[in-house]
Amino acid sequence: MTRFGNVQVQITVENGKITGADVLQVPWNDRHDQMINSQAVPVYNQEAVDAQSAQIDVVSGATYTWEGYTQSLQSAIDQANL
């Protein structure tokens, strides 16, 4: 949960590695949310795969999304026992 809404991340794991990350839920309430998240989410998804962890960089202007994203990503990683 973020200040602006929920963020939920799903990962795909093959052979013990993250091969994909997708956002199932992200704040999309207004044009501002849509503008920020349409730019930040693809970056976060790629960084999650590249980093193989929740230790990813924040996209400028998308700090709240990053906070929710990294928390959800870490939860998904923990559930996958990675």
N, C-alpha and C. Protein backbone atom coordinates (compact mmCIF):
# COMPACT_ATOMS: atom_id res chain seq x y z
N MET A 1 0.84 -1.18 0.00
CA MET A 1 0.00 0.00 0.00
C MET A 1 0.89 1.24 0.00
N THR A 2 0.58 2.16 -0.90
CA THR A 2 1.29 3.43 -0.92
C THR A 2 0.30 4.54 -0.58
N ARG A 3 0.81 5.72 -0.49
CA ARG A 3 -0.04 6.88 -0.21
C ARG A 3 -1.13 7.06 -1.27
N PHE A 4 -0.85 6.63 -2.49
CA PHE A 4 -1.78 6.84 -3.60
C PHE A 4 -2.54 5.60 -4.03
N GLY A 5 -2.23 4.46 -3.45
CA GLY A 5 -2.93 3.22 -3.80
C GLY A 5 -2.01 2.02 -3.71
N ASN A 6 -2.57 0.88 -4.00
CA ASN A 6 -1.84 -0.38 -3.89
C ASN A 6 -0.92 -0.62 -5.08
N VAL A 7 0.17 -1.30 -4.81
CA VAL A 7 1.07 -1.78 -5.85
C VAL A 7 1.26 -3.27 -5.59
N GLN A 8 1.02 -4.07 -6.63
CA GLN A 8 1.20 -5.51 -6.50
C GLN A 8 2.04 -6.01 -7.67
N VAL A 9 3.09 -6.74 -7.35
CA VAL A 9 4.03 -7.25 -8.34
C VAL A 9 3.98 -8.77 -8.35
N GLN A 10 4.02 -9.32 -9.55
CA GLN A 10 4.09 -10.78 -9.73
C GLN A 10 5.38 -11.08 -10.48
N ILE A 11 6.11 -12.10 -10.03
CA ILE A 11 7.33 -12.48 -10.73
C ILE A 11 7.16 -13.86 -11.36
N THR A 12 7.92 -14.08 -12.42
CA THR A 12 8.03 -15.39 -13.04
C THR A 12 9.42 -15.90 -12.72
N VAL A 13 9.48 -17.15 -12.26
CA VAL A 13 10.75 -17.74 -11.85
C VAL A 13 10.97 -19.02 -12.65
N GLU A 14 12.15 -19.14 -13.23
CA GLU A 14 12.55 -20.35 -13.93
C GLU A 14 13.96 -20.72 -13.50
N ASN A 15 14.12 -21.96 -13.09
CA ASN A 15 15.44 -22.46 -12.66
C ASN A 15 16.07 -21.58 -11.59
N GLY A 16 15.25 -21.10 -10.65
CA GLY A 16 15.75 -20.32 -9.54
C GLY A 16 16.11 -18.89 -9.86
N LYS A 17 15.71 -18.40 -11.04
CA LYS A 17 16.00 -17.02 -11.43
C LYS A 17 14.72 -16.30 -11.81
N ILE A 18 14.70 -15.01 -11.53
CA ILE A 18 13.57 -14.17 -11.94
C ILE A 18 13.70 -13.93 -13.43
N THR A 19 12.71 -14.38 -14.19
CA THR A 19 12.75 -14.19 -15.64
C THR A 19 11.75 -13.14 -16.11
N GLY A 20 10.87 -12.73 -15.20
CA GLY A 20 9.91 -11.70 -15.55
C GLY A 20 9.31 -11.09 -14.30
N ALA A 21 8.91 -9.84 -14.42
CA ALA A 21 8.22 -9.13 -13.34
C ALA A 21 7.11 -8.32 -13.99
N ASP A 22 5.92 -8.43 -13.43
CA ASP A 22 4.75 -7.73 -13.96
C ASP A 22 3.98 -7.09 -12.82
N VAL A 23 3.46 -5.92 -13.07
CA VAL A 23 2.63 -5.23 -12.09
C VAL A 23 1.19 -5.64 -12.31
N LEU A 24 0.57 -6.16 -11.27
CA LEU A 24 -0.84 -6.52 -11.33
C LEU A 24 -1.73 -5.37 -10.89
N GLN A 25 -1.16 -4.51 -10.06
CA GLN A 25 -1.93 -3.38 -9.53
C GLN A 25 -0.98 -2.23 -9.26
N VAL A 26 -1.37 -1.04 -9.69
CA VAL A 26 -0.58 0.17 -9.48
C VAL A 26 -1.56 1.35 -9.50
N PRO A 27 -1.28 2.41 -8.75
CA PRO A 27 -2.18 3.57 -8.79
C PRO A 27 -2.34 4.09 -10.23
N TRP A 28 -3.58 4.28 -10.64
CA TRP A 28 -3.90 4.70 -12.00
C TRP A 28 -5.12 5.61 -11.96
N ASN A 29 -5.18 6.44 -10.90
CA ASN A 29 -6.39 7.21 -10.62
C ASN A 29 -6.59 8.44 -11.48
N ASP A 30 -5.50 9.03 -11.94
CA ASP A 30 -5.62 10.27 -12.72
C ASP A 30 -4.49 10.34 -13.73
N ARG A 31 -4.47 11.42 -14.49
CA ARG A 31 -3.44 11.58 -15.53
C ARG A 31 -2.03 11.57 -14.96
N HIS A 32 -1.86 12.16 -13.80
CA HIS A 32 -0.54 12.21 -13.17
C HIS A 32 -0.06 10.81 -12.84
N ASP A 33 -0.90 10.00 -12.18
CA ASP A 33 -0.54 8.61 -11.88
C ASP A 33 -0.22 7.86 -13.17
N GLN A 34 -1.05 8.03 -14.16
CA GLN A 34 -0.88 7.31 -15.42
C GLN A 34 0.43 7.69 -16.10
N MET A 35 0.75 8.98 -16.10
CA MET A 35 1.98 9.44 -16.73
C MET A 35 3.20 8.87 -16.01
N ILE A 36 3.22 8.99 -14.71
CA ILE A 36 4.37 8.52 -13.93
C ILE A 36 4.51 7.01 -14.03
N ASN A 37 3.44 6.29 -13.77
CA ASN A 37 3.53 4.84 -13.69
C ASN A 37 3.71 4.18 -15.05
N SER A 38 3.20 4.80 -16.11
CA SER A 38 3.42 4.22 -17.44
C SER A 38 4.90 4.29 -17.82
N GLN A 39 5.62 5.24 -17.26
CA GLN A 39 7.05 5.36 -17.52
C GLN A 39 7.88 4.55 -16.53
N ALA A 40 7.50 4.58 -15.26
CA ALA A 40 8.31 3.95 -14.21
C ALA A 40 8.17 2.43 -14.17
N VAL A 41 6.97 1.93 -14.33
CA VAL A 41 6.74 0.49 -14.15
C VAL A 41 7.57 -0.37 -15.10
N PRO A 42 7.64 -0.06 -16.40
CA PRO A 42 8.50 -0.89 -17.26
C PRO A 42 9.97 -0.88 -16.82
N VAL A 43 10.44 0.25 -16.34
CA VAL A 43 11.81 0.34 -15.84
C VAL A 43 11.97 -0.55 -14.62
N TYR A 44 11.05 -0.46 -13.69
CA TYR A 44 11.12 -1.30 -12.49
C TYR A 44 11.06 -2.78 -12.84
N ASN A 45 10.18 -3.15 -13.77
CA ASN A 45 10.07 -4.55 -14.17
C ASN A 45 11.40 -5.06 -14.73
N GLN A 46 12.05 -4.28 -15.57
CA GLN A 46 13.32 -4.71 -16.16
C GLN A 46 14.42 -4.74 -15.11
N GLU A 47 14.43 -3.76 -14.23
CA GLU A 47 15.46 -3.73 -13.18
C GLU A 47 15.31 -4.92 -12.23
N ALA A 48 14.10 -5.34 -11.96
CA ALA A 48 13.88 -6.49 -11.08
C ALA A 48 14.52 -7.74 -11.68
N VAL A 49 14.36 -7.92 -12.99
CA VAL A 49 14.96 -9.07 -13.66
C VAL A 49 16.48 -8.93 -13.69
N ASP A 50 16.95 -7.75 -14.02
CA ASP A 50 18.40 -7.53 -14.11
C ASP A 50 19.08 -7.70 -12.75
N ALA A 51 18.47 -7.16 -11.70
CA ALA A 51 19.07 -7.19 -10.36
C ALA A 51 18.88 -8.53 -9.66
N GLN A 52 17.85 -9.28 -10.05
CA GLN A 52 17.52 -10.54 -9.38
C GLN A 52 17.26 -10.31 -7.89
N SER A 53 16.77 -9.12 -7.58
CA SER A 53 16.47 -8.77 -6.19
C SER A 53 15.55 -7.55 -6.18
N ALA A 54 15.18 -7.13 -4.98
CA ALA A 54 14.35 -5.93 -4.83
C ALA A 54 15.22 -4.69 -4.66
N GLN A 55 16.52 -4.83 -4.83
CA GLN A 55 17.45 -3.71 -4.73
C GLN A 55 17.53 -3.01 -6.08
N ILE A 56 16.52 -2.20 -6.38
CA ILE A 56 16.46 -1.51 -7.67
C ILE A 56 16.44 0.00 -7.43
N ASP A 57 16.86 0.73 -8.44
CA ASP A 57 16.92 2.18 -8.34
C ASP A 57 15.54 2.80 -8.51
N VAL A 58 15.36 3.93 -7.87
CA VAL A 58 14.11 4.68 -7.98
C VAL A 58 14.13 5.50 -9.25
N VAL A 59 12.99 5.57 -9.91
CA VAL A 59 12.81 6.45 -11.07
C VAL A 59 12.37 7.80 -10.53
N SER A 60 13.04 8.84 -10.98
CA SER A 60 12.72 10.19 -10.52
C SER A 60 11.24 10.50 -10.71
N GLY A 61 10.60 10.94 -9.64
CA GLY A 61 9.18 11.29 -9.68
C GLY A 61 8.25 10.14 -9.34
N ALA A 62 8.80 8.94 -9.17
CA ALA A 62 7.96 7.77 -8.90
C ALA A 62 8.37 7.09 -7.60
N THR A 63 8.68 7.88 -6.60
CA THR A 63 9.16 7.35 -5.33
C THR A 63 8.11 6.50 -4.62
N TYR A 64 6.87 6.96 -4.58
CA TYR A 64 5.83 6.19 -3.90
C TYR A 64 5.59 4.86 -4.61
N THR A 65 5.58 4.88 -5.92
CA THR A 65 5.43 3.63 -6.67
C THR A 65 6.60 2.71 -6.38
N TRP A 66 7.81 3.26 -6.36
CA TRP A 66 9.01 2.48 -6.07
C TRP A 66 8.92 1.81 -4.70
N GLU A 67 8.46 2.58 -3.70
CA GLU A 67 8.34 2.01 -2.35
C GLU A 67 7.38 0.82 -2.35
N GLY A 68 6.22 0.99 -2.94
CA GLY A 68 5.25 -0.11 -3.01
C GLY A 68 5.76 -1.25 -3.87
N TYR A 69 6.41 -0.91 -4.98
CA TYR A 69 6.92 -1.92 -5.90
C TYR A 69 7.97 -2.78 -5.21
N THR A 70 8.94 -2.16 -4.57
CA THR A 70 10.02 -2.93 -3.95
C THR A 70 9.51 -3.78 -2.79
N GLN A 71 8.55 -3.29 -2.04
CA GLN A 71 7.97 -4.09 -0.96
C GLN A 71 7.24 -5.31 -1.51
N SER A 72 6.44 -5.10 -2.55
CA SER A 72 5.71 -6.21 -3.15
C SER A 72 6.67 -7.18 -3.84
N LEU A 73 7.67 -6.64 -4.52
CA LEU A 73 8.67 -7.48 -5.17
C LEU A 73 9.40 -8.34 -4.15
N GLN A 74 9.80 -7.77 -3.03
CA GLN A 74 10.49 -8.55 -2.00
C GLN A 74 9.58 -9.64 -1.45
N SER A 75 8.32 -9.34 -1.28
CA SER A 75 7.36 -10.35 -0.83
C SER A 75 7.27 -11.49 -1.83
N ALA A 76 7.21 -11.17 -3.12
CA ALA A 76 7.13 -12.21 -4.16
C ALA A 76 8.41 -13.04 -4.16
N ILE A 77 9.56 -12.40 -3.99
CA ILE A 77 10.83 -13.10 -3.94
C ILE A 77 10.86 -14.04 -2.74
N ASP A 78 10.40 -13.56 -1.60
CA ASP A 78 10.35 -14.39 -0.39
C ASP A 78 9.44 -15.60 -0.58
N GLN A 79 8.28 -15.37 -1.20
CA GLN A 79 7.34 -16.48 -1.43
C GLN A 79 7.90 -17.51 -2.39
N ALA A 80 8.76 -17.07 -3.31
CA ALA A 80 9.39 -17.98 -4.26
C ALA A 80 10.63 -18.64 -3.67
N ASN A 81 10.96 -18.30 -2.43
CA ASN A 81 12.13 -18.84 -1.74
C ASN A 81 13.43 -18.61 -2.52
N LEU A 82 13.57 -17.40 -3.03
CA LEU A 82 14.81 -17.06 -3.77
C LEU A 82 15.78 -16.35 -2.85
